[in-house]
Amino acid sequence: MERLWTPWRRAFIESAARPEAKPPSCFLCANPAAGIERDRVHFILYRGERTYALLNLYPYNSGHLLVAPYQHTGNFAHLDPATSAEMAALAQRCVAALTEVYRPHAFNLGMNLGEAAGAGVPDHLHTHVVPRWNGDTNFMPVLGSTKVLPESLEQTFDRLRPHFQAGP
């Protein structure tokens, strides 16, 4: 089925088809390196010692988050135990914040390691935290080939950010 997600999802799909449009660097490295003062622009919700959490710019549902290490690697075996542990703890914190703010019925949580597994950024691993609701796969994607999101990324950021500004 062909899908038209949202305007920003469509832009991503079209840019991925143009090799000349691919960014020269990894956004999962470049965005946090831009500095804490740019966190709102890059939708970075939380910075830990080894990992950080941010909004997915091309969400499957409102509240779709990514947890990424600062370390640039696509190989899960290359993460040291402390980074792996911090990623897991931050994913738990994401689930807790999303549960409080959005009250989803369930979650999808996981990584796509490598292009063949569906990784959009195969060289910098990250965990997807996707809130799910009963019926969130309604008739629109089936009949209209459209995914409906009820809020903007800015609204999602504003709703979630306070839950990450408090202590660990």
C-alpha atoms as a PDB file:
ATOM      1  CA  MET A   1       0.000   0.000   0.000  1.00  0.00           C
ATOM      2  CA  GLU A   2       1.315   3.450  -0.886  1.00  0.00           C
ATOM      3  CA  ARG A   3       1.186   5.794   2.126  1.00  0.00           C
ATOM      4  CA  LEU A   4       1.049   9.524   2.477  1.00  0.00           C
ATOM      5  CA  TRP A   5       1.930  10.155   6.106  1.00  0.00           C
ATOM      6  CA  THR A   6       2.127  13.853   6.793  1.00  0.00           C
ATOM      7  CA  PRO A   7       3.791  16.728   4.975  1.00  0.00           C
ATOM      8  CA  TRP A   8       7.036  16.198   6.878  1.00  0.00           C
ATOM      9  CA  ARG A   9       6.946  12.423   6.302  1.00  0.00           C
ATOM     10  CA  ARG A  10       6.434  12.989   2.573  1.00  0.00           C
ATOM     11  CA  ALA A  11       9.413  15.352   2.466  1.00  0.00           C
ATOM     12  CA  PHE A  12      11.577  12.658   4.057  1.00  0.00           C
ATOM     13  CA  ILE A  13      10.477  10.004   1.577  1.00  0.00           C
ATOM     14  CA  GLU A  14      11.131  12.255  -1.391  1.00  0.00           C
ATOM     15  CA  SER A  15      14.525  13.394  -0.112  1.00  0.00           C
ATOM     16  CA  ALA A  16      15.606   9.808   0.512  1.00  0.00           C
ATOM     17  CA  ALA A  17      15.078   9.080  -3.181  1.00  0.00           C
ATOM     18  CA  ARG A  18      17.503  11.853  -4.177  1.00  0.00           C
ATOM     19  CA  PRO A  19      21.115  10.896  -3.365  1.00  0.00           C
ATOM     20  CA  GLU A  20      22.270  14.491  -3.819  1.00  0.00           C
ATOM     21  CA  ALA A  21      19.841  15.571  -1.071  1.00  0.00           C
ATOM     22  CA  LYS A  22      21.273  13.272   1.591  1.00  0.00           C
ATOM     23  CA  PRO A  23      22.857  15.212   4.459  1.00  0.00           C
ATOM     24  CA  PRO A  24      26.659  15.182   4.497  1.00  0.00           C
ATOM     25  CA  SER A  25      26.715  14.103   8.136  1.00  0.00           C
ATOM     26  CA  CYS A  26      24.731  11.944  10.529  1.00  0.00           C
ATOM     27  CA  PHE A  27      21.888  13.941  12.102  1.00  0.00           C
ATOM     28  CA  LEU A  28      22.074  11.749  15.228  1.00  0.00           C
ATOM     29  CA  CYS A  29      25.641  13.041  15.666  1.00  0.00           C
ATOM     30  CA  ALA A  30      25.188  16.586  14.327  1.00  0.00           C
ATOM     31  CA  ASN A  31      22.017  17.555  16.215  1.00  0.00           C
ATOM     32  CA  PRO A  32      23.302  17.061  19.774  1.00  0.00           C
ATOM     33  CA  ALA A  33      26.685  18.512  18.754  1.00  0.00           C
ATOM     34  CA  ALA A  34      24.904  21.744  17.742  1.00  0.00           C
ATOM     35  CA  GLY A  35      24.604  22.559  21.449  1.00  0.00           C
ATOM     36  CA  ILE A  36      21.966  22.566  24.142  1.00  0.00           C
ATOM     37  CA  GLU A  37      20.649  25.944  22.960  1.00  0.00           C
ATOM     38  CA  ARG A  38      19.486  24.187  19.743  1.00  0.00           C
ATOM     39  CA  ASP A  39      17.653  21.366  21.548  1.00  0.00           C
ATOM     40  CA  ARG A  40      14.208  22.788  20.779  1.00  0.00           C
ATOM     41  CA  VAL A  41      15.048  23.157  17.081  1.00  0.00           C
ATOM     42  CA  HIS A  42      16.226  19.529  16.964  1.00  0.00           C
ATOM     43  CA  PHE A  43      13.453  18.304  19.309  1.00  0.00           C
ATOM     44  CA  ILE A  44      15.957  16.891  21.824  1.00  0.00           C
ATOM     45  CA  LEU A  45      13.981  16.164  24.988  1.00  0.00           C
ATOM     46  CA  TYR A  46      16.753  14.888  27.227  1.00  0.00           C
ATOM     47  CA  ARG A  47      20.552  14.612  27.298  1.00  0.00           C
ATOM     48  CA  GLY A  48      22.204  11.944  29.388  1.00  0.00           C
ATOM     49  CA  GLU A  49      25.891  11.210  29.854  1.00  0.00           C
ATOM     50  CA  ARG A  50      26.040   8.690  26.980  1.00  0.00           C
ATOM     51  CA  THR A  51      22.618   8.854  25.311  1.00  0.00           C
ATOM     52  CA  TYR A  52      19.821  11.266  24.520  1.00  0.00           C
ATOM     53  CA  ALA A  53      16.114  11.219  23.622  1.00  0.00           C
ATOM     54  CA  LEU A  54      14.465  13.120  20.800  1.00  0.00           C
ATOM     55  CA  LEU A  55      11.284  13.229  18.766  1.00  0.00           C
ATOM     56  CA  ASN A  56      11.202  11.268  15.540  1.00  0.00           C
ATOM     57  CA  LEU A  57      10.752  13.849  12.765  1.00  0.00           C
ATOM     58  CA  TYR A  58       8.762  11.288  10.762  1.00  0.00           C
ATOM     59  CA  PRO A  59       6.538   9.759  13.459  1.00  0.00           C
ATOM     60  CA  TYR A  60       4.250   6.799  13.072  1.00  0.00           C
ATOM     61  CA  ASN A  61       2.158   8.161  15.976  1.00  0.00           C
ATOM     62  CA  SER A  62       2.239  11.279  18.135  1.00  0.00           C
ATOM     63  CA  GLY A  63       4.915  10.795  20.766  1.00  0.00           C
ATOM     64  CA  HIS A  64       7.157   8.564  18.602  1.00  0.00           C
ATOM     65  CA  LEU A  65      10.563   9.003  20.268  1.00  0.00           C
ATOM     66  CA  LEU A  66      14.114   7.903  19.528  1.00  0.00           C
ATOM     67  CA  VAL A  67      16.790   7.045  22.083  1.00  0.00           C
ATOM     68  CA  ALA A  68      20.291   7.261  20.623  1.00  0.00           C
ATOM     69  CA  PRO A  69      23.834   6.999  21.912  1.00  0.00           C
ATOM     70  CA  TYR A  70      26.214   9.873  21.216  1.00  0.00           C
ATOM     71  CA  GLN A  71      28.588   7.207  19.876  1.00  0.00           C
ATOM     72  CA  HIS A  72      28.288   6.831  16.103  1.00  0.00           C
ATOM     73  CA  THR A  73      27.854   3.128  15.403  1.00  0.00           C
ATOM     74  CA  GLY A  74      25.395   0.915  13.630  1.00  0.00           C
ATOM     75  CA  ASN A  75      26.720  -2.175  15.399  1.00  0.00           C
ATOM     76  CA  PHE A  76      24.923  -2.961  18.653  1.00  0.00           C
ATOM     77  CA  ALA A  77      27.843  -5.149  19.779  1.00  0.00           C
ATOM     78  CA  HIS A  78      30.123  -2.081  19.702  1.00  0.00           C
ATOM     79  CA  LEU A  79      28.252  -0.327  22.521  1.00  0.00           C
ATOM     80  CA  ASP A  80      29.902  -0.616  25.908  1.00  0.00           C
ATOM     81  CA  PRO A  81      27.760  -1.985  28.761  1.00  0.00           C
ATOM     82  CA  ALA A  82      27.318   1.449  30.366  1.00  0.00           C
ATOM     83  CA  THR A  83      25.913   2.936  27.151  1.00  0.00           C
ATOM     84  CA  SER A  84      23.595  -0.040  26.627  1.00  0.00           C
ATOM     85  CA  ALA A  85      22.349   0.289  30.204  1.00  0.00           C
ATOM     86  CA  GLU A  86      21.765   4.031  29.846  1.00  0.00           C
ATOM     87  CA  MET A  87      19.854   3.475  26.589  1.00  0.00           C
ATOM     88  CA  ALA A  88      17.580   0.966  28.321  1.00  0.00           C
ATOM     89  CA  ALA A  89      17.034   3.276  31.307  1.00  0.00           C
ATOM     90  CA  LEU A  90      16.249   6.225  29.035  1.00  0.00           C
ATOM     91  CA  ALA A  91      13.813   4.108  26.993  1.00  0.00           C
ATOM     92  CA  GLN A  92      12.058   3.269  30.287  1.00  0.00           C
ATOM     93  CA  ARG A  93      11.918   6.967  31.119  1.00  0.00           C
ATOM     94  CA  CYS A  94      10.420   7.654  27.681  1.00  0.00           C
ATOM     95  CA  VAL A  95       7.741   5.015  28.258  1.00  0.00           C
ATOM     96  CA  ALA A  96       6.940   6.555  31.660  1.00  0.00           C
ATOM     97  CA  ALA A  97       6.665  10.103  30.241  1.00  0.00           C
ATOM     98  CA  LEU A  98       4.565   8.973  27.282  1.00  0.00           C
ATOM     99  CA  THR A  99       2.309   6.963  29.583  1.00  0.00           C
ATOM    100  CA  GLU A 100       1.707   9.989  31.794  1.00  0.00           C
ATOM    101  CA  VAL A 101       1.132  12.451  28.950  1.00  0.00           C
ATOM    102  CA  TYR A 102      -0.642  10.355  26.312  1.00  0.00           C
ATOM    103  CA  ARG A 103      -2.074   7.330  28.153  1.00  0.00           C
ATOM    104  CA  PRO A 104      -1.401   4.875  25.282  1.00  0.00           C
ATOM    105  CA  HIS A 105      -2.736   1.322  25.446  1.00  0.00           C
ATOM    106  CA  ALA A 106       0.623  -0.232  24.480  1.00  0.00           C
ATOM    107  CA  PHE A 107       4.084   0.456  23.018  1.00  0.00           C
ATOM    108  CA  ASN A 108       6.346  -0.730  20.246  1.00  0.00           C
ATOM    109  CA  LEU A 109       9.939  -0.591  21.444  1.00  0.00           C
ATOM    110  CA  GLY A 110      12.909  -1.672  19.366  1.00  0.00           C
ATOM    111  CA  MET A 111      15.766  -1.190  16.926  1.00  0.00           C
ATOM    112  CA  ASN A 112      16.147  -1.858  13.222  1.00  0.00           C
ATOM    113  CA  LEU A 113      19.794  -2.875  12.879  1.00  0.00           C
ATOM    114  CA  GLY A 114      20.914  -2.522   9.254  1.00  0.00           C
ATOM    115  CA  GLU A 115      19.221  -1.502   6.021  1.00  0.00           C
ATOM    116  CA  ALA A 116      17.763  -4.964   5.416  1.00  0.00           C
ATOM    117  CA  ALA A 117      16.018  -4.690   8.796  1.00  0.00           C
ATOM    118  CA  GLY A 118      14.444  -1.372   7.815  1.00  0.00           C
ATOM    119  CA  ALA A 119      16.887   1.058   9.437  1.00  0.00           C
ATOM    120  CA  GLY A 120      16.514   4.538   7.968  1.00  0.00           C
ATOM    121  CA  VAL A 121      19.830   5.497   9.592  1.00  0.00           C
ATOM    122  CA  PRO A 122      21.780   2.221   9.470  1.00  0.00           C
ATOM    123  CA  ASP A 123      25.110   3.697  10.616  1.00  0.00           C
ATOM    124  CA  HIS A 124      23.854   5.155  13.917  1.00  0.00           C
ATOM    125  CA  LEU A 125      21.702   2.783  15.926  1.00  0.00           C
ATOM    126  CA  HIS A 126      18.758   4.069  17.913  1.00  0.00           C
ATOM    127  CA  THR A 127      15.768   2.676  19.759  1.00  0.00           C
ATOM    128  CA  HIS A 128      12.252   3.571  18.658  1.00  0.00           C
ATOM    129  CA  VAL A 129       9.675   4.144  21.405  1.00  0.00           C
ATOM    130  CA  VAL A 130       6.255   4.242  19.733  1.00  0.00           C
ATOM    131  CA  PRO A 131       3.048   4.688  21.752  1.00  0.00           C
ATOM    132  CA  ARG A 132       0.096   2.679  20.415  1.00  0.00           C
ATOM    133  CA  TRP A 133      -3.646   2.900  20.925  1.00  0.00           C
ATOM    134  CA  ASN A 134      -6.371   0.391  20.215  1.00  0.00           C
ATOM    135  CA  GLY A 135      -7.687   1.321  16.792  1.00  0.00           C
ATOM    136  CA  ASP A 136      -4.748   3.547  15.820  1.00  0.00           C
ATOM    137  CA  THR A 137      -4.640   1.662  12.539  1.00  0.00           C
ATOM    138  CA  ASN A 138      -8.024   2.938  11.389  1.00  0.00           C
ATOM    139  CA  PHE A 139      -9.590   3.285   7.945  1.00  0.00           C
ATOM    140  CA  MET A 140      -7.518   6.318   6.867  1.00  0.00           C
ATOM    141  CA  PRO A 141      -4.308   4.376   6.114  1.00  0.00           C
ATOM    142  CA  VAL A 142      -6.323   1.620   4.444  1.00  0.00           C
ATOM    143  CA  LEU A 143      -8.772   3.635   2.327  1.00  0.00           C
ATOM    144  CA  GLY A 144      -7.126   7.041   2.143  1.00  0.00           C
ATOM    145  CA  SER A 145      -3.474   5.972   2.237  1.00  0.00           C
ATOM    146  CA  THR A 146      -3.024   8.694   4.876  1.00  0.00           C
ATOM    147  CA  LYS A 147      -1.715   8.553   8.447  1.00  0.00           C
ATOM    148  CA  VAL A 148      -3.415  11.123  10.677  1.00  0.00           C
ATOM    149  CA  LEU A 149      -1.466  12.723  13.523  1.00  0.00           C
ATOM    150  CA  PRO A 150      -3.501  14.922  15.874  1.00  0.00           C
ATOM    151  CA  GLU A 151      -0.715  17.346  16.830  1.00  0.00           C
ATOM    152  CA  SER A 152       2.429  18.995  15.475  1.00  0.00           C
ATOM    153  CA  LEU A 153       5.963  18.079  16.512  1.00  0.00           C
ATOM    154  CA  GLU A 154       6.190  21.386  18.391  1.00  0.00           C
ATOM    155  CA  GLN A 155       3.086  20.506  20.399  1.00  0.00           C
ATOM    156  CA  THR A 156       4.452  17.041  21.161  1.00  0.00           C
ATOM    157  CA  PHE A 157       7.766  18.556  22.288  1.00  0.00           C
ATOM    158  CA  ASP A 158       6.011  21.082  24.543  1.00  0.00           C
ATOM    159  CA  ARG A 159       3.890  18.368  26.153  1.00  0.00           C
ATOM    160  CA  LEU A 160       6.793  15.983  26.812  1.00  0.00           C
ATOM    161  CA  ARG A 161       9.725  18.296  27.614  1.00  0.00           C
ATOM    162  CA  PRO A 162       8.667  19.059  31.232  1.00  0.00           C
ATOM    163  CA  HIS A 163       8.742  15.329  32.023  1.00  0.00           C
ATOM    164  CA  PHE A 164      12.408  15.157  31.026  1.00  0.00           C
ATOM    165  CA  GLN A 165      13.553  18.354  32.755  1.00  0.00           C
ATOM    166  CA  ALA A 166      12.964  16.937  36.215  1.00  0.00           C
ATOM    167  CA  GLY A 167      15.694  14.789  37.778  1.00  0.00           C
ATOM    168  CA  PRO A 168      16.407  11.236  36.569  1.00  0.00           C
END
